Every structure is written in structure tokens, then in C-alpha cells.
Amino acid sequence: LRRYDQVIAISQHISDAAVSSGVSPRSIRRIYSGVELPRGERAGRQGSHAGFLHGLQIERGQLVVTCVGRLSPEKGQAILLRAFATLRRSGVDGRLVIVGDGPQRSFLEREASRLGLAGDVRFLGKCLDIAEVMRATDILVVPSLREGLSLATLEGLGCLLYTSDAADE
């Protein structure tokens, strides 16, 4: 990074780390990450989400656990699959929704089958309407082994905290 004229840091921590590795503080600009708040109804599994869940073959009353991210080893989806298998064996009636694509997709699909989860895991691939997925989710999981700032977490919180009234203010 010392070779660049400008470095963008998404947090004070990243900025401090860059300075400690030799980057001039004058060349660092902080631009905090953020996400666009969704439009529509508050998060939760009511009303219009029934059709979305039905399309995924998820029934009313089933727990929906969702993971959003690139399908690569550092994102921890393989660990999530093992944890979800344990949850299912304990008797929890749920479905795991994995949103994203990447080099580990076929491995993760095979791993889900190996763990006996083929009918319980939905691999959605890339999804343009993350807000729809988040609003239909009971639990958002970010199993990353290394993560600076999870945009999926920010998007999930945005959907959770969003109310129609707040958007009108």
C-alpha cells in the first residue's frame, strides 16, 4: 500500500493498521461502509414472504437460517453446514439458505449431501434482492473465519431495524 497515492480505509482500525505498516497517514482516506436500507415492510416472516418461502419449499413454522457471502474457505460455510447438521439432529425443524456463489459451491453442495442435509439446504447462488431474503430469515449467520466488516451483517441489521415509518421521516 505504500506505493499508492491514496488508500481507502473502511474503519479507524483499518486506517491504524495501514499506518502501522508504513502507509503515510496523509494518504489515507476513511470512507465508512454502509448499506442501503430496504424499502417495504419490516423484517419478519409475515405476509408477502409466504410466496418467497414457498418457492424455496420452506413451510410455515420451519426455522430459516441464512448465510450470505462468497462461497470460499475463509467464509466458513463448511463449518456452518456441520453446525446445521448438529442442529437438525437435535430435532430442530429448519432450513439453511446459502446465498452467494464462488469456488466452493460444488464442494459445499457435496458436503451438504454427505451430512444428510440435501433436502434441508437451499443454495440460491447470486441474489439481487437480498432484502427479500433477509426479511424471510429468522437467523442470519456469518461464519467467517476472517472478516473485517461483514456487509451481510449490516444488510441484515438494516432489514431487522427498518420500519416503514422510519423511512418516511
Foldseek 3Di string as FASTA:
>chain_A
DQPDQADEDQDVVRLVVCVVVPHDNVRYDYDHDADDFDDDAAAAADDPLCVVCVVVVHDPPAAEEEEEDAPDVQQQVLVVLVVVLVVVVVPHRHAYEYEAYYDCPVVSCVSCVVSVNNVRYHYPHHDPCVLSVLSNHDHYDRRGNDDDDDVNVNRNVSRNPDHNVVVVD
